[in-house]
Amino acid sequence: MAMKRTTTAYVAMNPRRCMACWKCVEKCPKKVIGKTGFLGHRHVIFENADACIGCNKCIKTCLQGVFFKPDASVSCTMNMGMAFRIEQLLPLAFVASAVTGIGLHIAGHGTSHETWHNWGVAHVVASFIWLLSVMAHVRRHKHWYKTLVSKRVTCKRLITFFLSIAFLIVAVTGILLVAYVEGPGSSIGLWHYKLGILLWVLSLIHALYRK
């Protein structure tokens, strides 16, 4: 079994820029490029690096700059390490934010203010980490947003679009709750919770659509 690599004799890659469109996989005449990763970051990898013939079809096909000549003077080597590590927290932060959000909502119907407060602190911390990981994820996929109008509408693109809108609304209502609302039971808090459930569902569908 060939070892997975990020370089061949002719081409190097930065998988952190990959948007998992798989166009390069289809274009490669020697089946050098394969798929790897899970949910938070699916990306390409050289599965059969020794078979590369240097046709450069991968470089010409990819709009994200994933592939480049090893000797090219470009700044796409591996300078996004921190952002990539933050993005890898996305699945865990997503689950933590959802669990603490539900816990906070349930605690709001109880009688212990301390319990509600503790759930609130946990939810804010988890959601902040999720926000950072989503920002890193969106940054890597910024080309998708730039071409949103020019591309044809598909079910996958619609889900991603509505997911982005839902995330923005949930983030804004969450900030308003932290900044201006004291205690449980507010109307904006209820809307934040309901929209959070919608965001949770859209996020799961979005993850499942990543093949």
N, C-alpha and C. Protein backbone atom coordinates (compact mmCIF):
# COMPACT_ATOMS: atom_id res chain seq x y z
N MET A 1 0.85 -1.20 0.00
CA MET A 1 0.00 0.00 0.00
C MET A 1 0.88 1.25 0.00
N ALA A 2 0.65 2.17 -0.94
CA ALA A 2 1.46 3.37 -1.04
C ALA A 2 1.22 4.31 0.12
N MET A 3 2.30 4.91 0.62
CA MET A 3 2.19 5.83 1.74
C MET A 3 1.66 7.18 1.25
N LYS A 4 0.77 7.75 2.00
CA LYS A 4 0.19 9.04 1.63
C LYS A 4 1.21 10.14 1.88
N ARG A 5 1.37 11.04 0.88
CA ARG A 5 2.34 12.11 0.99
C ARG A 5 1.75 13.42 0.52
N THR A 6 2.46 14.51 0.79
CA THR A 6 2.04 15.83 0.32
C THR A 6 2.96 16.34 -0.79
N THR A 7 3.87 15.50 -1.26
CA THR A 7 4.75 15.89 -2.37
C THR A 7 4.96 14.70 -3.30
N THR A 8 5.16 15.03 -4.56
CA THR A 8 5.62 14.03 -5.54
C THR A 8 6.93 14.57 -6.11
N ALA A 9 7.45 13.91 -7.12
CA ALA A 9 8.69 14.38 -7.74
C ALA A 9 8.48 15.69 -8.50
N TYR A 10 7.20 16.03 -8.78
CA TYR A 10 6.91 17.19 -9.62
C TYR A 10 6.01 18.24 -8.95
N VAL A 11 5.20 17.82 -8.02
CA VAL A 11 4.18 18.71 -7.45
C VAL A 11 4.14 18.56 -5.93
N ALA A 12 3.88 19.69 -5.25
CA ALA A 12 3.65 19.68 -3.80
C ALA A 12 2.23 20.18 -3.55
N MET A 13 1.72 19.92 -2.34
CA MET A 13 0.36 20.37 -2.03
C MET A 13 0.27 20.92 -0.62
N ASN A 14 -0.71 21.80 -0.44
CA ASN A 14 -1.08 22.28 0.89
C ASN A 14 -2.52 21.85 1.13
N PRO A 15 -2.74 20.67 1.74
CA PRO A 15 -4.10 20.15 1.91
C PRO A 15 -4.99 21.02 2.76
N ARG A 16 -4.41 21.95 3.52
CA ARG A 16 -5.21 22.82 4.37
C ARG A 16 -6.05 23.81 3.56
N ARG A 17 -5.72 23.97 2.29
CA ARG A 17 -6.50 24.86 1.43
C ARG A 17 -7.60 24.13 0.67
N CYS A 18 -7.62 22.83 0.78
CA CYS A 18 -8.56 22.03 -0.01
C CYS A 18 -10.00 22.25 0.42
N MET A 19 -10.90 22.40 -0.57
CA MET A 19 -12.33 22.57 -0.33
C MET A 19 -13.12 21.30 -0.60
N ALA A 20 -12.42 20.21 -0.87
CA ALA A 20 -13.05 18.91 -1.10
C ALA A 20 -14.03 18.92 -2.27
N CYS A 21 -13.67 19.62 -3.34
CA CYS A 21 -14.52 19.59 -4.54
C CYS A 21 -14.21 18.36 -5.39
N TRP A 22 -13.03 17.78 -5.19
CA TRP A 22 -12.57 16.54 -5.83
C TRP A 22 -12.36 16.66 -7.34
N LYS A 23 -12.30 17.89 -7.87
CA LYS A 23 -12.07 18.05 -9.31
C LYS A 23 -10.69 17.54 -9.72
N CYS A 24 -9.71 17.76 -8.84
CA CYS A 24 -8.35 17.31 -9.15
C CYS A 24 -8.27 15.79 -9.19
N VAL A 25 -9.06 15.14 -8.33
CA VAL A 25 -9.10 13.67 -8.32
C VAL A 25 -9.59 13.14 -9.66
N GLU A 26 -10.60 13.81 -10.22
CA GLU A 26 -11.17 13.40 -11.50
C GLU A 26 -10.22 13.69 -12.67
N LYS A 27 -9.46 14.79 -12.57
CA LYS A 27 -8.60 15.21 -13.67
C LYS A 27 -7.28 14.44 -13.74
N CYS A 28 -6.82 13.92 -12.61
CA CYS A 28 -5.51 13.25 -12.59
C CYS A 28 -5.52 11.99 -13.44
N PRO A 29 -4.70 11.93 -14.49
CA PRO A 29 -4.74 10.78 -15.41
C PRO A 29 -4.13 9.50 -14.82
N LYS A 30 -3.32 9.64 -13.78
CA LYS A 30 -2.63 8.49 -13.21
C LYS A 30 -3.17 8.08 -11.84
N LYS A 31 -4.28 8.67 -11.44
CA LYS A 31 -4.91 8.35 -10.15
C LYS A 31 -3.93 8.52 -8.99
N VAL A 32 -3.16 9.61 -9.07
CA VAL A 32 -2.19 9.91 -8.01
C VAL A 32 -2.88 10.45 -6.77
N ILE A 33 -3.96 11.20 -6.99
CA ILE A 33 -4.62 11.94 -5.91
C ILE A 33 -5.82 11.16 -5.37
N GLY A 34 -5.94 11.13 -4.05
CA GLY A 34 -7.06 10.47 -3.41
C GLY A 34 -7.70 11.36 -2.36
N LYS A 35 -8.69 10.81 -1.66
CA LYS A 35 -9.44 11.55 -0.66
C LYS A 35 -9.10 11.04 0.74
N THR A 36 -9.13 11.95 1.71
CA THR A 36 -8.89 11.56 3.09
C THR A 36 -9.57 12.56 4.01
N GLY A 37 -9.46 12.37 5.31
CA GLY A 37 -10.05 13.28 6.29
C GLY A 37 -11.43 12.83 6.72
N PHE A 38 -12.03 13.62 7.64
CA PHE A 38 -13.33 13.24 8.21
C PHE A 38 -14.10 14.48 8.61
N LEU A 39 -15.32 14.66 8.14
CA LEU A 39 -16.27 15.69 8.52
C LEU A 39 -15.67 17.09 8.52
N GLY A 40 -15.00 17.46 9.63
CA GLY A 40 -14.51 18.83 9.78
C GLY A 40 -13.58 19.26 8.67
N HIS A 41 -12.73 18.34 8.18
CA HIS A 41 -11.83 18.72 7.09
C HIS A 41 -11.55 17.52 6.19
N ARG A 42 -12.35 17.39 5.15
CA ARG A 42 -12.09 16.42 4.10
C ARG A 42 -11.14 17.09 3.11
N HIS A 43 -10.13 16.39 2.67
CA HIS A 43 -9.17 17.00 1.75
C HIS A 43 -8.49 15.92 0.91
N VAL A 44 -7.75 16.39 -0.09
CA VAL A 44 -7.03 15.47 -0.98
C VAL A 44 -5.66 15.13 -0.41
N ILE A 45 -5.10 14.06 -0.93
CA ILE A 45 -3.76 13.63 -0.54
C ILE A 45 -3.18 12.83 -1.70
N PHE A 46 -1.86 12.77 -1.78
CA PHE A 46 -1.23 11.95 -2.80
C PHE A 46 -1.22 10.50 -2.32
N GLU A 47 -2.08 9.67 -2.89
CA GLU A 47 -2.15 8.27 -2.50
C GLU A 47 -1.14 7.41 -3.25
N ASN A 48 -0.73 7.88 -4.43
CA ASN A 48 0.23 7.13 -5.23
C ASN A 48 1.22 8.11 -5.84
N ALA A 49 2.01 8.74 -4.97
CA ALA A 49 2.90 9.82 -5.38
C ALA A 49 3.90 9.40 -6.45
N ASP A 50 4.36 8.16 -6.40
CA ASP A 50 5.38 7.70 -7.35
C ASP A 50 4.86 7.62 -8.78
N ALA A 51 3.53 7.63 -8.94
CA ALA A 51 2.95 7.52 -10.29
C ALA A 51 2.83 8.88 -10.99
N CYS A 52 3.12 9.97 -10.28
CA CYS A 52 2.98 11.31 -10.86
C CYS A 52 3.91 11.50 -12.05
N ILE A 53 3.37 12.04 -13.15
CA ILE A 53 4.16 12.27 -14.36
C ILE A 53 4.41 13.76 -14.61
N GLY A 54 3.95 14.61 -13.69
CA GLY A 54 4.19 16.05 -13.82
C GLY A 54 3.39 16.71 -14.91
N CYS A 55 2.16 16.26 -15.15
CA CYS A 55 1.33 16.87 -16.19
C CYS A 55 0.76 18.22 -15.75
N ASN A 56 0.78 18.48 -14.45
CA ASN A 56 0.33 19.75 -13.86
C ASN A 56 -1.17 20.01 -14.01
N LYS A 57 -1.95 18.98 -14.32
CA LYS A 57 -3.40 19.18 -14.44
C LYS A 57 -4.01 19.55 -13.09
N CYS A 58 -3.44 19.03 -12.02
CA CYS A 58 -3.96 19.36 -10.68
C CYS A 58 -3.75 20.84 -10.37
N ILE A 59 -2.59 21.37 -10.76
CA ILE A 59 -2.29 22.79 -10.52
C ILE A 59 -3.24 23.68 -11.32
N LYS A 60 -3.49 23.30 -12.57
CA LYS A 60 -4.37 24.10 -13.43
C LYS A 60 -5.83 24.00 -13.01
N THR A 61 -6.21 22.87 -12.45
CA THR A 61 -7.61 22.64 -12.09
C THR A 61 -8.01 23.34 -10.79
N CYS A 62 -7.12 23.31 -9.81
CA CYS A 62 -7.46 23.80 -8.47
C CYS A 62 -7.42 25.32 -8.39
N LEU A 63 -8.54 25.93 -7.99
CA LEU A 63 -8.62 27.38 -7.84
C LEU A 63 -8.16 27.84 -6.46
N GLN A 64 -7.95 26.90 -5.55
CA GLN A 64 -7.58 27.24 -4.18
C GLN A 64 -6.08 27.32 -3.95
N GLY A 65 -5.30 26.95 -4.96
CA GLY A 65 -3.85 26.96 -4.80
C GLY A 65 -3.33 25.83 -3.93
N VAL A 66 -4.07 24.71 -3.92
CA VAL A 66 -3.63 23.56 -3.12
C VAL A 66 -2.33 23.00 -3.67
N PHE A 67 -2.22 22.92 -5.00
CA PHE A 67 -1.05 22.33 -5.65
C PHE A 67 -0.12 23.41 -6.18
N PHE A 68 1.18 23.15 -6.11
CA PHE A 68 2.16 24.11 -6.60
C PHE A 68 3.48 23.38 -6.86
N LYS A 69 4.33 24.01 -7.63
CA LYS A 69 5.65 23.46 -7.90
C LYS A 69 6.49 23.52 -6.63
N PRO A 70 7.21 22.46 -6.30
CA PRO A 70 8.01 22.47 -5.07
C PRO A 70 9.01 23.61 -5.00
N ASP A 71 9.51 24.05 -6.16
CA ASP A 71 10.50 25.12 -6.17
C ASP A 71 9.89 26.49 -6.42
N ALA A 72 8.55 26.57 -6.47
CA ALA A 72 7.90 27.86 -6.72
C ALA A 72 8.00 28.74 -5.49
N SER A 73 8.23 30.02 -5.73
CA SER A 73 8.37 30.97 -4.62
C SER A 73 7.00 31.50 -4.23
N VAL A 74 6.18 30.63 -3.66
CA VAL A 74 4.86 31.02 -3.21
C VAL A 74 4.77 30.80 -1.72
N SER A 75 3.87 31.52 -1.09
CA SER A 75 3.77 31.48 0.37
C SER A 75 2.69 30.52 0.83
N CYS A 76 2.49 29.44 0.08
CA CYS A 76 1.42 28.51 0.45
C CYS A 76 1.98 27.20 0.97
N THR A 77 3.15 27.23 1.58
CA THR A 77 3.79 26.00 2.05
C THR A 77 3.01 25.40 3.21
N MET A 78 3.18 25.90 4.42
CA MET A 78 2.40 25.39 5.54
C MET A 78 2.28 26.47 6.61
N ASN A 79 1.98 27.70 6.16
CA ASN A 79 1.98 28.83 7.09
C ASN A 79 0.62 29.06 7.73
N MET A 80 -0.29 28.09 7.57
CA MET A 80 -1.61 28.24 8.17
C MET A 80 -1.83 27.20 9.26
N GLY A 81 -0.72 26.80 9.89
CA GLY A 81 -0.80 25.74 10.88
C GLY A 81 -1.73 26.03 12.04
N MET A 82 -1.65 27.22 12.59
CA MET A 82 -2.48 27.56 13.74
C MET A 82 -3.96 27.56 13.37
N ALA A 83 -4.29 28.18 12.23
CA ALA A 83 -5.68 28.21 11.78
C ALA A 83 -6.21 26.81 11.52
N PHE A 84 -5.35 25.95 10.97
CA PHE A 84 -5.77 24.58 10.69
C PHE A 84 -6.05 23.81 11.98
N ARG A 85 -5.19 24.01 12.98
CA ARG A 85 -5.39 23.33 14.26
C ARG A 85 -6.67 23.81 14.94
N ILE A 86 -6.95 25.11 14.82
CA ILE A 86 -8.19 25.64 15.39
C ILE A 86 -9.40 25.04 14.67
N GLU A 87 -9.30 24.93 13.35
CA GLU A 87 -10.42 24.37 12.58
C GLU A 87 -10.68 22.91 12.94
N GLN A 88 -9.63 22.19 13.31
CA GLN A 88 -9.80 20.79 13.68
C GLN A 88 -10.65 20.62 14.94
N LEU A 89 -10.80 21.70 15.71
CA LEU A 89 -11.63 21.65 16.91
C LEU A 89 -13.12 21.77 16.59
N LEU A 90 -13.44 22.04 15.32
CA LEU A 90 -14.83 22.33 14.95
C LEU A 90 -15.83 21.25 15.37
N PRO A 91 -15.61 19.98 15.06
CA PRO A 91 -16.61 18.96 15.46
C PRO A 91 -16.80 18.89 16.97
N LEU A 92 -15.69 18.91 17.72
CA LEU A 92 -15.77 18.82 19.19
C LEU A 92 -16.44 20.06 19.77
N ALA A 93 -16.06 21.24 19.25
CA ALA A 93 -16.66 22.49 19.74
C ALA A 93 -18.14 22.56 19.40
N PHE A 94 -18.52 22.04 18.25
CA PHE A 94 -19.92 21.99 17.83
C PHE A 94 -20.75 21.17 18.82
N VAL A 95 -20.26 19.98 19.16
CA VAL A 95 -20.97 19.11 20.10
C VAL A 95 -21.04 19.76 21.48
N ALA A 96 -19.91 20.35 21.92
CA ALA A 96 -19.87 20.99 23.24
C ALA A 96 -20.84 22.16 23.32
N SER A 97 -20.90 22.96 22.25
CA SER A 97 -21.81 24.10 22.23
C SER A 97 -23.27 23.65 22.26
N ALA A 98 -23.58 22.59 21.50
CA ALA A 98 -24.95 22.08 21.46
C ALA A 98 -25.37 21.50 22.81
N VAL A 99 -24.50 20.70 23.42
CA VAL A 99 -24.82 20.06 24.70
C VAL A 99 -24.99 21.10 25.81
N THR A 100 -24.05 22.05 25.88
CA THR A 100 -24.15 23.08 26.92
C THR A 100 -25.33 24.01 26.68
N GLY A 101 -25.68 24.23 25.40
CA GLY A 101 -26.84 25.07 25.09
C GLY A 101 -28.13 24.43 25.55
N ILE A 102 -28.27 23.12 25.31
CA ILE A 102 -29.46 22.40 25.78
C ILE A 102 -29.49 22.35 27.30
N GLY A 103 -28.31 22.12 27.90
CA GLY A 103 -28.23 22.11 29.36
C GLY A 103 -28.61 23.45 29.96
N LEU A 104 -28.18 24.53 29.32
CA LEU A 104 -28.51 25.87 29.79
C LEU A 104 -30.01 26.13 29.69
N HIS A 105 -30.62 25.69 28.60
CA HIS A 105 -32.06 25.87 28.42
C HIS A 105 -32.85 25.11 29.49
N ILE A 106 -32.45 23.88 29.75
CA ILE A 106 -33.13 23.08 30.78
C ILE A 106 -32.93 23.70 32.16
N ALA A 107 -31.72 24.16 32.44
CA ALA A 107 -31.43 24.78 33.74
C ALA A 107 -32.24 26.05 33.93
N GLY A 108 -32.60 26.72 32.83
CA GLY A 108 -33.40 27.94 32.91
C GLY A 108 -34.80 27.70 33.43
N HIS A 109 -35.26 26.45 33.34
CA HIS A 109 -36.59 26.10 33.86
C HIS A 109 -36.52 25.61 35.30
N GLY A 110 -35.31 25.52 35.84
CA GLY A 110 -35.15 25.06 37.21
C GLY A 110 -35.17 26.20 38.21
N THR A 111 -34.81 25.89 39.44
CA THR A 111 -34.85 26.90 40.52
C THR A 111 -33.48 27.34 40.98
N SER A 112 -32.43 26.66 40.52
CA SER A 112 -31.07 26.99 40.97
C SER A 112 -30.41 27.96 40.00
N HIS A 113 -30.19 29.19 40.46
CA HIS A 113 -29.53 30.18 39.63
C HIS A 113 -28.06 29.82 39.41
N GLU A 114 -27.45 29.20 40.41
CA GLU A 114 -26.04 28.82 40.30
C GLU A 114 -25.84 27.78 39.20
N THR A 115 -26.76 26.81 39.16
CA THR A 115 -26.68 25.78 38.10
C THR A 115 -26.84 26.41 36.73
N TRP A 116 -27.80 27.32 36.60
CA TRP A 116 -28.01 28.03 35.32
C TRP A 116 -26.77 28.82 34.94
N HIS A 117 -26.17 29.49 35.93
CA HIS A 117 -24.97 30.30 35.68
C HIS A 117 -23.81 29.43 35.20
N ASN A 118 -23.62 28.28 35.84
CA ASN A 118 -22.52 27.39 35.46
C ASN A 118 -22.70 26.86 34.03
N TRP A 119 -23.93 26.50 33.69
CA TRP A 119 -24.21 26.07 32.32
C TRP A 119 -23.96 27.21 31.34
N GLY A 120 -24.30 28.44 31.77
CA GLY A 120 -24.10 29.61 30.92
C GLY A 120 -22.64 29.85 30.62
N VAL A 121 -21.80 29.75 31.65
CA VAL A 121 -20.35 29.94 31.46
C VAL A 121 -19.80 28.87 30.51
N ALA A 122 -20.20 27.62 30.74
CA ALA A 122 -19.73 26.53 29.89
C ALA A 122 -20.17 26.73 28.43
N HIS A 123 -21.40 27.21 28.26
CA HIS A 123 -21.91 27.42 26.90
C HIS A 123 -21.18 28.56 26.20
N VAL A 124 -20.88 29.61 26.91
CA VAL A 124 -20.16 30.74 26.32
C VAL A 124 -18.76 30.31 25.88
N VAL A 125 -18.07 29.57 26.73
CA VAL A 125 -16.71 29.10 26.41
C VAL A 125 -16.74 28.17 25.20
N ALA A 126 -17.65 27.19 25.21
CA ALA A 126 -17.75 26.24 24.10
C ALA A 126 -18.12 26.94 22.80
N SER A 127 -19.04 27.90 22.89
CA SER A 127 -19.50 28.61 21.69
C SER A 127 -18.41 29.52 21.14
N PHE A 128 -17.59 30.09 22.02
CA PHE A 128 -16.49 30.94 21.57
C PHE A 128 -15.46 30.12 20.79
N ILE A 129 -15.16 28.92 21.31
CA ILE A 129 -14.23 28.03 20.60
C ILE A 129 -14.83 27.61 19.26
N TRP A 130 -16.13 27.34 19.27
CA TRP A 130 -16.81 26.98 18.02
C TRP A 130 -16.76 28.14 17.03
N LEU A 131 -16.96 29.36 17.51
CA LEU A 131 -16.91 30.54 16.65
C LEU A 131 -15.54 30.67 16.00
N LEU A 132 -14.47 30.48 16.78
CA LEU A 132 -13.12 30.57 16.23
C LEU A 132 -12.88 29.50 15.17
N SER A 133 -13.33 28.28 15.44
CA SER A 133 -13.13 27.18 14.49
C SER A 133 -13.94 27.40 13.21
N VAL A 134 -15.14 27.96 13.35
CA VAL A 134 -15.96 28.25 12.16
C VAL A 134 -15.32 29.36 11.33
N MET A 135 -14.77 30.37 12.00
CA MET A 135 -14.09 31.45 11.29
C MET A 135 -12.91 30.91 10.48
N ALA A 136 -12.16 29.98 11.06
CA ALA A 136 -11.04 29.36 10.34
C ALA A 136 -11.56 28.54 9.16
N HIS A 137 -12.67 27.86 9.37
CA HIS A 137 -13.28 27.03 8.32
C HIS A 137 -13.78 27.91 7.17
N VAL A 138 -14.44 29.00 7.49
CA VAL A 138 -14.96 29.92 6.47
C VAL A 138 -13.82 30.58 5.71
N ARG A 139 -12.76 30.92 6.44
CA ARG A 139 -11.60 31.54 5.79
C ARG A 139 -11.01 30.62 4.72
N ARG A 140 -10.95 29.32 5.03
CA ARG A 140 -10.40 28.36 4.08
C ARG A 140 -11.32 28.21 2.87
N HIS A 141 -12.62 28.43 3.08
CA HIS A 141 -13.60 28.27 2.00
C HIS A 141 -14.08 29.62 1.45
N LYS A 142 -13.29 30.67 1.63
CA LYS A 142 -13.74 32.01 1.22
C LYS A 142 -14.02 32.10 -0.29
N HIS A 143 -13.33 31.29 -1.07
CA HIS A 143 -13.58 31.31 -2.52
C HIS A 143 -15.01 30.88 -2.82
N TRP A 144 -15.56 29.97 -2.02
CA TRP A 144 -16.94 29.50 -2.22
C TRP A 144 -17.90 30.67 -2.09
N TYR A 145 -17.69 31.53 -1.11
CA TYR A 145 -18.58 32.67 -0.89
C TYR A 145 -18.41 33.71 -2.00
N LYS A 146 -17.19 33.85 -2.52
CA LYS A 146 -16.95 34.81 -3.59
C LYS A 146 -17.66 34.41 -4.88
N THR A 147 -17.81 33.10 -5.08
CA THR A 147 -18.44 32.61 -6.32
C THR A 147 -19.89 32.19 -6.11
N LEU A 148 -20.47 32.60 -4.98
CA LEU A 148 -21.82 32.16 -4.63
C LEU A 148 -22.85 32.57 -5.68
N VAL A 149 -22.75 33.78 -6.19
CA VAL A 149 -23.73 34.30 -7.15
C VAL A 149 -23.55 33.67 -8.53
N SER A 150 -22.30 33.44 -8.92
CA SER A 150 -22.02 32.97 -10.28
C SER A 150 -22.25 31.48 -10.48
N LYS A 151 -22.28 30.72 -9.40
CA LYS A 151 -22.45 29.26 -9.52
C LYS A 151 -23.94 28.89 -9.56
N ARG A 152 -24.23 27.76 -10.18
CA ARG A 152 -25.62 27.29 -10.23
C ARG A 152 -26.06 26.81 -8.86
N VAL A 153 -27.35 26.93 -8.60
CA VAL A 153 -27.91 26.57 -7.29
C VAL A 153 -28.07 25.05 -7.20
N THR A 154 -27.53 24.47 -6.14
CA THR A 154 -27.70 23.05 -5.85
C THR A 154 -28.19 22.90 -4.42
N CYS A 155 -28.69 21.73 -4.10
CA CYS A 155 -29.19 21.48 -2.74
C CYS A 155 -28.08 21.67 -1.71
N LYS A 156 -26.89 21.19 -2.04
CA LYS A 156 -25.75 21.31 -1.13
C LYS A 156 -25.39 22.77 -0.89
N ARG A 157 -25.40 23.58 -1.95
CA ARG A 157 -25.06 24.99 -1.83
C ARG A 157 -26.12 25.75 -1.04
N LEU A 158 -27.40 25.39 -1.24
CA LEU A 158 -28.47 26.03 -0.48
C LEU A 158 -28.35 25.74 1.01
N ILE A 159 -28.03 24.50 1.34
CA ILE A 159 -27.87 24.14 2.74
C ILE A 159 -26.73 24.92 3.37
N THR A 160 -25.61 25.03 2.65
CA THR A 160 -24.47 25.79 3.16
C THR A 160 -24.82 27.26 3.32
N PHE A 161 -25.58 27.80 2.37
CA PHE A 161 -25.99 29.21 2.44
C PHE A 161 -26.88 29.46 3.66
N PHE A 162 -27.91 28.64 3.83
CA PHE A 162 -28.81 28.82 4.97
C PHE A 162 -28.11 28.53 6.30
N LEU A 163 -27.17 27.60 6.27
CA LEU A 163 -26.36 27.33 7.46
C LEU A 163 -25.56 28.57 7.86
N SER A 164 -24.98 29.24 6.88
CA SER A 164 -24.20 30.45 7.15
C SER A 164 -25.07 31.56 7.74
N ILE A 165 -26.27 31.74 7.17
CA ILE A 165 -27.20 32.75 7.68
C ILE A 165 -27.63 32.42 9.10
N ALA A 166 -27.98 31.16 9.33
CA ALA A 166 -28.41 30.73 10.67
C ALA A 166 -27.30 30.93 11.69
N PHE A 167 -26.08 30.62 11.29
CA PHE A 167 -24.95 30.79 12.21
C PHE A 167 -24.76 32.25 12.59
N LEU A 168 -24.86 33.14 11.60
CA LEU A 168 -24.72 34.57 11.87
C LEU A 168 -25.78 35.06 12.86
N ILE A 169 -27.03 34.65 12.64
CA ILE A 169 -28.12 35.08 13.51
C ILE A 169 -27.93 34.54 14.93
N VAL A 170 -27.57 33.27 15.03
CA VAL A 170 -27.35 32.67 16.36
C VAL A 170 -26.18 33.35 17.06
N ALA A 171 -25.12 33.66 16.31
CA ALA A 171 -23.97 34.33 16.91
C ALA A 171 -24.35 35.73 17.42
N VAL A 172 -25.11 36.47 16.61
CA VAL A 172 -25.52 37.83 17.01
C VAL A 172 -26.43 37.79 18.23
N THR A 173 -27.43 36.90 18.23
CA THR A 173 -28.33 36.81 19.39
C THR A 173 -27.58 36.34 20.63
N GLY A 174 -26.59 35.49 20.43
CA GLY A 174 -25.78 35.04 21.57
C GLY A 174 -24.98 36.17 22.18
N ILE A 175 -24.40 37.01 21.32
CA ILE A 175 -23.65 38.17 21.81
C ILE A 175 -24.57 39.14 22.55
N LEU A 176 -25.77 39.35 22.01
CA LEU A 176 -26.75 40.23 22.66
C LEU A 176 -27.14 39.69 24.04
N LEU A 177 -27.29 38.38 24.14
CA LEU A 177 -27.65 37.77 25.42
C LEU A 177 -26.55 37.98 26.46
N VAL A 178 -25.31 37.78 26.04
CA VAL A 178 -24.19 37.95 26.96
C VAL A 178 -24.03 39.41 27.38
N ALA A 179 -24.25 40.32 26.43
CA ALA A 179 -23.99 41.74 26.69
C ALA A 179 -25.13 42.46 27.41
N TYR A 180 -26.38 42.08 27.13
CA TYR A 180 -27.49 42.92 27.61
C TYR A 180 -28.56 42.20 28.42
N VAL A 181 -28.58 40.88 28.44
CA VAL A 181 -29.67 40.16 29.10
C VAL A 181 -29.18 39.52 30.40
N GLU A 182 -29.93 39.73 31.46
CA GLU A 182 -29.61 39.14 32.76
C GLU A 182 -30.64 38.06 33.10
N GLY A 183 -30.17 36.86 33.42
CA GLY A 183 -31.06 35.80 33.87
C GLY A 183 -31.76 35.07 32.74
N PRO A 184 -32.40 33.93 33.07
CA PRO A 184 -33.08 33.11 32.06
C PRO A 184 -34.47 33.62 31.74
N GLY A 185 -35.09 33.03 30.71
CA GLY A 185 -36.49 33.30 30.42
C GLY A 185 -36.76 34.46 29.49
N SER A 186 -35.74 35.05 28.89
CA SER A 186 -35.97 36.19 27.99
C SER A 186 -36.45 35.70 26.63
N SER A 187 -37.15 36.58 25.91
CA SER A 187 -37.66 36.22 24.58
C SER A 187 -36.52 36.02 23.59
N ILE A 188 -35.49 36.86 23.69
CA ILE A 188 -34.35 36.71 22.78
C ILE A 188 -33.60 35.41 23.08
N GLY A 189 -33.60 35.01 24.36
CA GLY A 189 -32.97 33.75 24.73
C GLY A 189 -33.70 32.56 24.14
N LEU A 190 -35.04 32.64 24.11
CA LEU A 190 -35.83 31.56 23.53
C LEU A 190 -35.61 31.47 22.02
N TRP A 191 -35.54 32.64 21.37
CA TRP A 191 -35.26 32.65 19.93
C TRP A 191 -33.86 32.10 19.65
N HIS A 192 -32.91 32.46 20.49
CA HIS A 192 -31.54 31.97 20.34
C HIS A 192 -31.52 30.44 20.44
N TYR A 193 -32.28 29.91 21.37
CA TYR A 193 -32.33 28.46 21.57
C TYR A 193 -32.97 27.76 20.37
N LYS A 194 -34.10 28.28 19.89
CA LYS A 194 -34.80 27.67 18.76
C LYS A 194 -33.94 27.72 17.48
N LEU A 195 -33.32 28.88 17.25
CA LEU A 195 -32.45 29.01 16.09
C LEU A 195 -31.21 28.14 16.23
N GLY A 196 -30.77 27.95 17.47
CA GLY A 196 -29.64 27.07 17.72
C GLY A 196 -29.95 25.63 17.35
N ILE A 197 -31.18 25.19 17.63
CA ILE A 197 -31.60 23.84 17.24
C ILE A 197 -31.60 23.71 15.71
N LEU A 198 -32.12 24.76 15.03
CA LEU A 198 -32.11 24.77 13.57
C LEU A 198 -30.67 24.71 13.04
N LEU A 199 -29.80 25.50 13.65
CA LEU A 199 -28.39 25.51 13.26
C LEU A 199 -27.76 24.14 13.45
N TRP A 200 -28.11 23.48 14.55
CA TRP A 200 -27.59 22.15 14.84
C TRP A 200 -28.00 21.16 13.75
N VAL A 201 -29.27 21.22 13.33
CA VAL A 201 -29.77 20.32 12.28
C VAL A 201 -29.08 20.60 10.95
N LEU A 202 -28.99 21.89 10.58
CA LEU A 202 -28.34 22.26 9.32
C LEU A 202 -26.87 21.87 9.31
N SER A 203 -26.22 21.99 10.45
CA SER A 203 -24.80 21.62 10.55
C SER A 203 -24.61 20.12 10.32
N LEU A 204 -25.50 19.32 10.88
CA LEU A 204 -25.42 17.87 10.68
C LEU A 204 -25.64 17.50 9.21
N ILE A 205 -26.64 18.15 8.59
CA ILE A 205 -26.90 17.88 7.17
C ILE A 205 -25.71 18.30 6.33
N HIS A 206 -25.13 19.45 6.65
CA HIS A 206 -23.96 19.96 5.94
C HIS A 206 -22.80 18.98 6.04
N ALA A 207 -22.58 18.44 7.24
CA ALA A 207 -21.49 17.48 7.45
C ALA A 207 -21.74 16.19 6.67
N LEU A 208 -22.98 15.73 6.65
CA LEU A 208 -23.31 14.49 5.95
C LEU A 208 -23.21 14.64 4.44
N TYR A 209 -23.37 15.87 3.93
CA TYR A 209 -23.27 16.11 2.50
C TYR A 209 -21.83 16.08 2.00
N ARG A 210 -20.86 16.17 2.92
CA ARG A 210 -19.46 16.17 2.53
C ARG A 210 -19.02 14.74 2.26
N LYS A 211 -18.92 14.40 1.01
CA LYS A 211 -18.59 13.02 0.62
C LYS A 211 -17.10 12.88 0.38
